[in-house]
Each structure stands twice: as C-alpha cells, then as structure tokens.
Amino acid sequence: MSRILAKGLALSLVLLSLCAQGAEEPPLVSPVPTSARVSNSPQSLASQVRAIFAFKCVQCHGADLERPKGKFGYILDLARVAANPKMIVPGNPRKSELYQMLVYNEMPGKGNRTGPLTPDEKDVVRHWIETGAPADAVAGEVTLAQPLTPRRRVIRDIGQFHPQSAHFPIALLVVALPAEMMWSLTRKESWKATVRFCVALGAVGAVVTATLGWCDAVFSQHTGAAAQVLLRHRWFGTATAVWAVATAAISELANRRGNPRSLSHGFRLTLIIGIVLVSVAGYLGASLIYGLHHFVW
C-alpha cells in the first residue's frame, strides 16, 4: 500500500510541476498590428461572426443571463471565445468544439427560436476560425488567438480528465467507512484489508484528481460568482488530497501497530473528516456545471 501511495504522489508532483510551468506562459490572446499580420478581411469576418452569434446564440449564452447554459455567457466576447482552447483551435475548425456543435446543429439548442445556423453562416464561422479566429477590430488593430504551445496543449489535454477522475476518491473514501465499521463489529481481516485498499487508493486518486484540477483551471473561463465557486472548489479539493494522504498514513501506522484503540479512533475521525471534505469539493465541482442550486428537493 505504501508503495502505491508513494508512486501516486510522485506522478502527481510531476503533473503539478508541468501545470505550474504552463501557467506562467504568456496569455493566449495578444493584440497584433493589422498592417503587420492581416488585411481587412479578418476584421470583416469578426464583425460577421459577432452578428451571427448575437442573433443565434445570446438567448442561451448572453452576458446578461444569470445562469447561461454550460456556464458559457460570453459568446459575444470573440477574444475570450477564441482564447478558450476547449472551444476554438485557431486555424483548425475540425478540432474546434464550438464549430463542430454548430455544424451538427447541437447549437443553438432545440428551444432556441432562431433555429440552427444556415450553411452560409456556418461557412462564415469556419472561415473565421481558419483565419485565426480574429476578434473585433479596435483602432486599426485586430486580435488574433495564438495557437497553443506544446506544453500548454499537454496541460489542457490532461486537465480534461479531472471531472472523470473525481469519482474515484469520492467512492473509495466513502466505501472505506462502512468497511471500517464492519471490521469493528466482526474483526475479520478481510474487512480491514478492504479498508486499507480503499483508503490508500482513494488517497492516490485524491492527489491525482487535485493535480488534474489545477491543470484544468489554467484554462478556466469562469467569471463572477462562478470564479469564486471555482476558487473554493480548488482549495477544498487540495485540502481533501492532503487530508486523504494523512488518513492513509494513519491507516498504515495503525495496521503495523496491531490497530490499537487510540489509533483506530483517530483513523475513523480522520476518515469521516476526509469524507466531508471530498463531498464538499464534489458539490462545488458539480456547481460549476449545474449551478449552486442543482439539488432540487
């Protein structure tokens, strides 16, 4: 168990180091003089795309909406849209998720009164992305989204596994508690082995999940209240990872000393606190997707 924990921590440290290096790189969007990089065509494209989005998309993704769909409420901010590598890959429409959703009529949604984009409108969006996804021109300048560097691309790609990985520490730490109670009642070693396995693997999962979360947050586009939820989610997740490692260490120490009563009680208390932490972190993470009030009774 100790070896599994040590290897998981080492892997997470490598990923976290990579994430920290990527976060220090320049922003994805920068102003470039028009005369040096583009003609009048990108400016015109940006205006056309903004007009299309204003007509087709603001109903669900407008900045004035209290709860825009998918926490995506900045559709008219082309610079911000283009800077989000999860939505736009400048120069490559086929790898741009936003364009693919438009092509296959996944956006606008079924409840939108304007209906899907016309073939001509889709062609304008495609050409806009191929041109580099320029934003609106201001004072003779145009904003182009720069392509991802290899390092930031790696960080983005591994960070996308954060939501999926979060299920493992939640499940493993929660299951460890009833298994510990069964061991306390029956004193069967199979139950204690189950507890040790769940806690050790749950601790590794918590550290890996927290690390992936920090990588994913490098590309966060949340603003306002959602940004505050993200901040709390990140630190509750980090605290959960640290606490889970401490819980696993106490579990192994108690096992080596024959599970004396004092260590057993201490382990159960830390396990319960760990379950509370991982539950709060999970709730905040879900709130970023479904809203703070996603539990409706």
Protein backbone atom coordinates (compact mmCIF):
# COMPACT_ATOMS: atom_id res chain seq x y z
CA MET A 1 0.00 0.00 0.00
CA SER A 2 2.82 2.38 0.89
CA ARG A 3 4.47 1.83 -2.49
CA ILE A 4 1.22 2.56 -4.34
CA LEU A 5 0.81 5.76 -2.34
CA ALA A 6 4.39 6.87 -2.97
CA LYS A 7 4.18 6.23 -6.73
CA GLY A 8 0.88 8.09 -6.99
CA LEU A 9 2.31 11.09 -5.14
CA ALA A 10 5.40 11.14 -7.36
CA LEU A 11 3.26 11.10 -10.52
CA SER A 12 1.09 13.92 -9.21
CA LEU A 13 4.13 16.05 -8.35
CA VAL A 14 5.36 15.71 -11.94
CA LEU A 15 1.95 16.73 -13.33
CA LEU A 16 1.65 19.64 -10.89
CA SER A 17 5.11 20.90 -11.84
CA LEU A 18 4.15 20.79 -15.53
CA CYS A 19 0.93 22.67 -14.76
CA ALA A 20 2.78 25.39 -12.84
CA GLN A 21 5.24 25.90 -15.71
CA GLY A 22 2.42 26.17 -18.23
CA ALA A 23 0.51 28.71 -16.14
CA GLU A 24 3.50 31.08 -16.31
CA GLU A 25 3.47 31.27 -20.11
CA PRO A 26 2.10 34.32 -21.95
CA PRO A 27 -1.67 34.65 -22.46
CA LEU A 28 -3.24 33.04 -25.49
CA VAL A 29 -4.58 36.30 -26.90
CA SER A 30 -2.49 39.34 -27.80
CA PRO A 31 -3.04 42.46 -29.89
CA VAL A 32 -1.21 42.45 -33.25
CA PRO A 33 -0.97 45.45 -35.60
CA THR A 34 -3.32 44.99 -38.55
CA SER A 35 -0.81 46.12 -41.12
CA ALA A 36 1.73 43.57 -39.92
CA ARG A 37 -0.41 40.43 -39.85
CA VAL A 38 -3.80 40.73 -41.52
CA SER A 39 -5.78 42.54 -44.16
CA ASN A 40 -9.25 43.99 -43.76
CA SER A 41 -10.76 40.52 -44.26
CA PRO A 42 -10.28 39.29 -40.65
CA GLN A 43 -11.92 42.46 -39.31
CA SER A 44 -14.90 41.89 -41.55
CA LEU A 45 -15.08 38.24 -40.56
CA ALA A 46 -15.04 39.13 -36.87
CA SER A 47 -17.93 41.55 -37.37
CA GLN A 48 -19.93 38.94 -39.31
CA VAL A 49 -19.33 36.22 -36.74
CA ARG A 50 -20.27 38.53 -33.90
CA ALA A 51 -23.51 39.43 -35.71
CA ILE A 52 -24.29 35.72 -36.21
CA PHE A 53 -23.65 34.94 -32.56
CA ALA A 54 -25.70 37.97 -31.47
CA PHE A 55 -28.67 36.70 -33.48
CA LYS A 56 -28.37 32.97 -32.85
CA CYS A 57 -26.65 32.44 -29.51
CA VAL A 58 -27.31 35.19 -26.96
CA GLN A 59 -30.61 33.62 -25.95
CA CYS A 60 -28.67 30.89 -24.12
CA HIS A 61 -25.17 32.36 -23.77
CA GLY A 62 -25.63 36.11 -23.37
CA ALA A 63 -23.62 38.06 -20.80
CA ASP A 64 -26.79 39.40 -19.19
CA LEU A 65 -28.13 35.94 -18.28
CA GLU A 66 -27.97 34.98 -14.61
CA ARG A 67 -27.34 31.31 -15.41
CA PRO A 68 -26.18 30.90 -19.02
CA LYS A 69 -26.11 27.36 -20.37
CA GLY A 70 -22.91 25.49 -19.67
CA LYS A 71 -21.61 28.47 -17.64
CA PHE A 72 -20.81 29.96 -21.06
CA GLY A 73 -22.09 33.51 -21.02
CA TYR A 74 -19.61 35.42 -23.13
CA ILE A 75 -20.47 34.40 -26.69
CA LEU A 76 -20.10 37.98 -27.98
CA ASP A 77 -16.64 38.39 -26.49
CA LEU A 78 -14.82 36.93 -29.51
CA ALA A 79 -11.38 37.41 -27.99
CA ARG A 80 -12.37 35.37 -24.96
CA VAL A 81 -14.13 32.73 -27.03
CA ALA A 82 -11.09 32.34 -29.27
CA ALA A 83 -8.78 32.18 -26.23
CA ASN A 84 -10.61 29.15 -24.85
CA PRO A 85 -8.81 26.11 -26.32
CA LYS A 86 -11.70 23.88 -25.28
CA MET A 87 -13.89 25.72 -27.79
CA ILE A 88 -11.68 27.10 -30.53
CA VAL A 89 -8.47 25.79 -32.08
CA PRO A 90 -7.40 28.72 -34.28
CA GLY A 91 -6.77 27.61 -37.85
CA ASN A 92 -8.46 24.22 -37.37
CA PRO A 93 -12.28 24.19 -37.47
CA ARG A 94 -12.45 20.40 -37.32
CA LYS A 95 -10.77 20.41 -33.91
CA SER A 96 -12.82 23.36 -32.65
CA GLU A 97 -15.64 22.07 -30.44
CA LEU A 98 -17.75 25.20 -30.88
CA TYR A 99 -17.70 24.86 -34.67
CA GLN A 100 -18.49 21.14 -34.50
CA MET A 101 -21.54 21.84 -32.34
CA LEU A 102 -22.70 24.39 -34.89
CA VAL A 103 -22.10 22.09 -37.84
CA TYR A 104 -24.10 19.24 -36.32
CA ASN A 105 -26.84 21.61 -35.11
CA GLU A 106 -26.19 20.85 -31.45
CA MET A 107 -26.14 24.63 -31.03
CA PRO A 108 -28.36 26.58 -30.94
CA GLY A 109 -30.43 24.17 -28.83
CA LYS A 110 -33.89 22.91 -29.66
CA GLY A 111 -35.59 25.59 -27.59
CA ASN A 112 -33.92 28.44 -29.46
CA ARG A 113 -36.36 30.48 -31.54
CA THR A 114 -33.80 31.36 -34.21
CA GLY A 115 -33.10 27.78 -35.29
CA PRO A 116 -29.74 26.36 -36.41
CA LEU A 117 -27.18 28.28 -38.44
CA THR A 118 -27.65 28.34 -42.19
CA PRO A 119 -24.95 26.77 -44.41
CA ASP A 120 -23.72 30.26 -45.29
CA GLU A 121 -23.47 31.23 -41.62
CA LYS A 122 -21.58 28.03 -40.80
CA ASP A 123 -19.22 28.79 -43.66
CA VAL A 124 -18.53 32.25 -42.22
CA VAL A 125 -17.70 30.75 -38.81
CA ARG A 126 -15.48 28.13 -40.43
CA HIS A 127 -13.58 30.76 -42.41
CA TRP A 128 -13.26 32.87 -39.24
CA ILE A 129 -11.56 30.01 -37.41
CA GLU A 130 -9.35 29.18 -40.40
CA THR A 131 -8.22 32.82 -40.47
CA GLY A 132 -7.11 32.57 -36.83
CA ALA A 133 -10.35 33.47 -35.03
CA PRO A 134 -9.79 37.25 -35.02
CA ALA A 135 -11.74 39.40 -32.59
CA ASP A 136 -13.39 42.74 -33.31
CA ALA A 137 -11.05 45.39 -34.69
CA VAL A 138 -10.35 48.40 -32.50
CA ALA A 139 -8.41 51.47 -33.64
CA GLY A 140 -6.86 49.74 -36.63
CA GLU A 141 -5.85 46.63 -34.74
CA VAL A 142 -7.21 43.12 -34.69
CA THR A 143 -6.89 40.47 -32.00
CA LEU A 144 -5.82 37.02 -33.10
CA ALA A 145 -5.83 33.90 -30.98
CA GLN A 146 -2.38 32.37 -30.85
CA PRO A 147 -2.01 28.60 -31.21
CA LEU A 148 -1.28 26.55 -28.11
CA THR A 149 2.33 25.76 -27.31
CA PRO A 150 3.09 22.02 -26.94
CA ARG A 151 3.42 22.38 -23.18
CA ARG A 152 0.10 24.15 -22.74
CA ARG A 153 -1.56 21.65 -25.06
CA VAL A 154 -0.36 18.80 -22.82
CA ILE A 155 -1.64 20.62 -19.72
CA ARG A 156 -5.00 21.23 -21.38
CA ASP A 157 -5.33 17.63 -22.54
CA ILE A 158 -4.51 16.01 -19.19
CA GLY A 159 -6.59 18.57 -17.30
CA GLN A 160 -9.70 17.44 -19.17
CA PHE A 161 -9.57 14.16 -17.20
CA HIS A 162 -10.23 15.98 -13.91
CA PRO A 163 -14.05 15.54 -13.82
CA GLN A 164 -13.81 11.82 -14.61
CA SER A 165 -11.06 11.14 -12.06
CA ALA A 166 -13.01 12.88 -9.27
CA HIS A 167 -15.40 9.93 -8.95
CA PHE A 168 -12.71 7.54 -7.70
CA PRO A 169 -11.60 9.23 -4.45
CA ILE A 170 -15.22 10.07 -3.61
CA ALA A 171 -16.34 6.46 -3.99
CA LEU A 172 -13.29 4.85 -2.36
CA LEU A 173 -13.19 7.07 0.72
CA VAL A 174 -16.93 6.77 1.30
CA VAL A 175 -16.85 2.96 0.95
CA ALA A 176 -13.96 2.76 3.44
CA LEU A 177 -16.18 3.96 6.31
CA PRO A 178 -18.78 1.15 6.27
CA ALA A 179 -15.95 -1.34 5.71
CA GLU A 180 -14.22 0.02 8.82
CA MET A 181 -17.46 -0.33 10.78
CA MET A 182 -17.80 -3.95 9.62
CA TRP A 183 -14.24 -4.67 10.75
CA SER A 184 -15.00 -3.10 14.13
CA LEU A 185 -18.02 -5.42 14.53
CA THR A 186 -16.59 -8.67 13.11
CA ARG A 187 -12.80 -8.26 13.46
CA LYS A 188 -12.40 -10.09 10.16
CA GLU A 189 -9.10 -9.27 8.44
CA SER A 190 -10.79 -9.20 5.05
CA TRP A 191 -12.71 -6.08 6.10
CA LYS A 192 -9.54 -4.38 7.35
CA ALA A 193 -7.79 -5.25 4.07
CA THR A 194 -10.70 -3.65 2.22
CA VAL A 195 -10.36 -0.52 4.33
CA ARG A 196 -6.63 -0.23 3.70
CA PHE A 197 -7.08 -0.76 -0.03
CA CYS A 198 -9.86 1.84 -0.35
CA VAL A 199 -8.06 4.45 1.74
CA ALA A 200 -4.68 4.01 0.03
CA LEU A 201 -6.13 4.04 -3.49
CA GLY A 202 -8.51 6.84 -2.53
CA ALA A 203 -5.57 8.96 -1.32
CA VAL A 204 -3.70 8.42 -4.59
CA GLY A 205 -6.87 9.21 -6.52
CA ALA A 206 -7.44 12.39 -4.50
CA VAL A 207 -3.92 13.66 -5.16
CA VAL A 208 -4.10 12.85 -8.88
CA THR A 209 -7.56 14.44 -9.15
CA ALA A 210 -6.45 17.61 -7.36
CA THR A 211 -3.40 17.86 -9.63
CA LEU A 212 -5.52 17.44 -12.76
CA GLY A 213 -7.87 20.07 -11.37
CA TRP A 214 -5.07 22.61 -11.12
CA CYS A 215 -4.08 21.81 -14.69
CA ASP A 216 -7.66 22.25 -15.87
CA ALA A 217 -8.00 25.55 -14.01
CA VAL A 218 -5.18 27.07 -16.08
CA PHE A 219 -7.74 27.36 -18.90
CA SER A 220 -10.70 28.34 -16.73
CA GLN A 221 -13.13 30.85 -18.24
CA HIS A 222 -15.32 31.30 -15.15
CA THR A 223 -16.11 34.83 -14.00
CA GLY A 224 -18.10 36.49 -11.22
CA ALA A 225 -19.75 34.14 -8.73
CA ALA A 226 -18.62 31.10 -10.70
CA ALA A 227 -14.99 32.18 -10.28
CA GLN A 228 -15.47 32.26 -6.51
CA VAL A 229 -17.01 28.78 -6.60
CA LEU A 230 -14.03 27.57 -8.62
CA LEU A 231 -11.62 29.05 -6.07
CA ARG A 232 -13.34 27.25 -3.19
CA HIS A 233 -13.54 24.05 -5.20
CA ARG A 234 -9.80 24.11 -5.92
CA TRP A 235 -8.80 24.63 -2.30
CA PHE A 236 -11.30 22.16 -0.87
CA GLY A 237 -10.01 19.65 -3.42
CA THR A 238 -6.41 20.37 -2.44
CA ALA A 239 -7.27 20.06 1.26
CA THR A 240 -9.02 16.76 0.53
CA ALA A 241 -5.91 15.40 -1.18
CA VAL A 242 -3.65 16.38 1.72
CA TRP A 243 -6.11 15.01 4.29
CA ALA A 244 -6.56 11.75 2.35
CA VAL A 245 -2.81 11.17 2.37
CA ALA A 246 -2.74 11.79 6.14
CA THR A 247 -5.65 9.37 6.58
CA ALA A 248 -3.85 6.68 4.57
CA ALA A 249 -0.70 7.20 6.63
CA ILE A 250 -2.64 6.77 9.90
CA SER A 251 -4.30 3.66 8.48
CA GLU A 252 -0.95 2.06 7.69
CA LEU A 253 0.53 3.10 11.04
CA ALA A 254 -2.41 1.60 12.93
CA ASN A 255 -2.13 -1.62 10.95
CA ARG A 256 1.58 -2.01 11.72
CA ARG A 257 0.96 -1.50 15.45
CA GLY A 258 -1.86 -4.01 15.61
CA ASN A 259 -4.68 -1.47 15.39
CA PRO A 260 -4.66 -0.19 18.99
CA ARG A 261 -7.84 1.54 20.17
CA SER A 262 -6.35 5.04 20.22
CA LEU A 263 -5.10 4.86 16.63
CA SER A 264 -8.31 3.20 15.43
CA HIS A 265 -10.41 6.02 16.87
CA GLY A 266 -8.07 8.61 15.36
CA PHE A 267 -8.24 6.90 11.98
CA ARG A 268 -12.05 6.84 11.99
CA LEU A 269 -12.22 10.51 12.87
CA THR A 270 -9.82 11.50 10.08
CA LEU A 271 -11.71 9.27 7.64
CA ILE A 272 -15.03 10.95 8.47
CA ILE A 273 -13.47 14.40 8.07
CA GLY A 274 -11.99 13.27 4.74
CA ILE A 275 -15.41 12.13 3.53
CA VAL A 276 -16.89 15.53 4.45
CA LEU A 277 -14.09 17.34 2.59
CA VAL A 278 -14.38 15.24 -0.55
CA SER A 279 -18.17 15.63 -0.50
CA VAL A 280 -17.95 19.44 -0.27
CA ALA A 281 -15.32 19.53 -3.02
CA GLY A 282 -17.52 17.33 -5.21
CA TYR A 283 -20.58 19.51 -4.58
CA LEU A 284 -18.68 22.67 -5.54
CA GLY A 285 -17.33 20.98 -8.66
CA ALA A 286 -20.84 19.98 -9.72
CA SER A 287 -21.99 23.55 -9.03
CA LEU A 288 -19.62 24.80 -11.72
CA ILE A 289 -21.55 22.70 -14.24
CA TYR A 290 -25.12 22.65 -12.93
CA GLY A 291 -25.25 25.78 -10.73
CA LEU A 292 -25.11 26.21 -6.95
CA HIS A 293 -28.71 25.13 -6.52
CA HIS A 294 -28.55 21.96 -8.60
CA PHE A 295 -30.11 19.94 -5.77
CA VAL A 296 -33.86 20.48 -6.04
CA TRP A 297 -35.97 18.65 -3.50
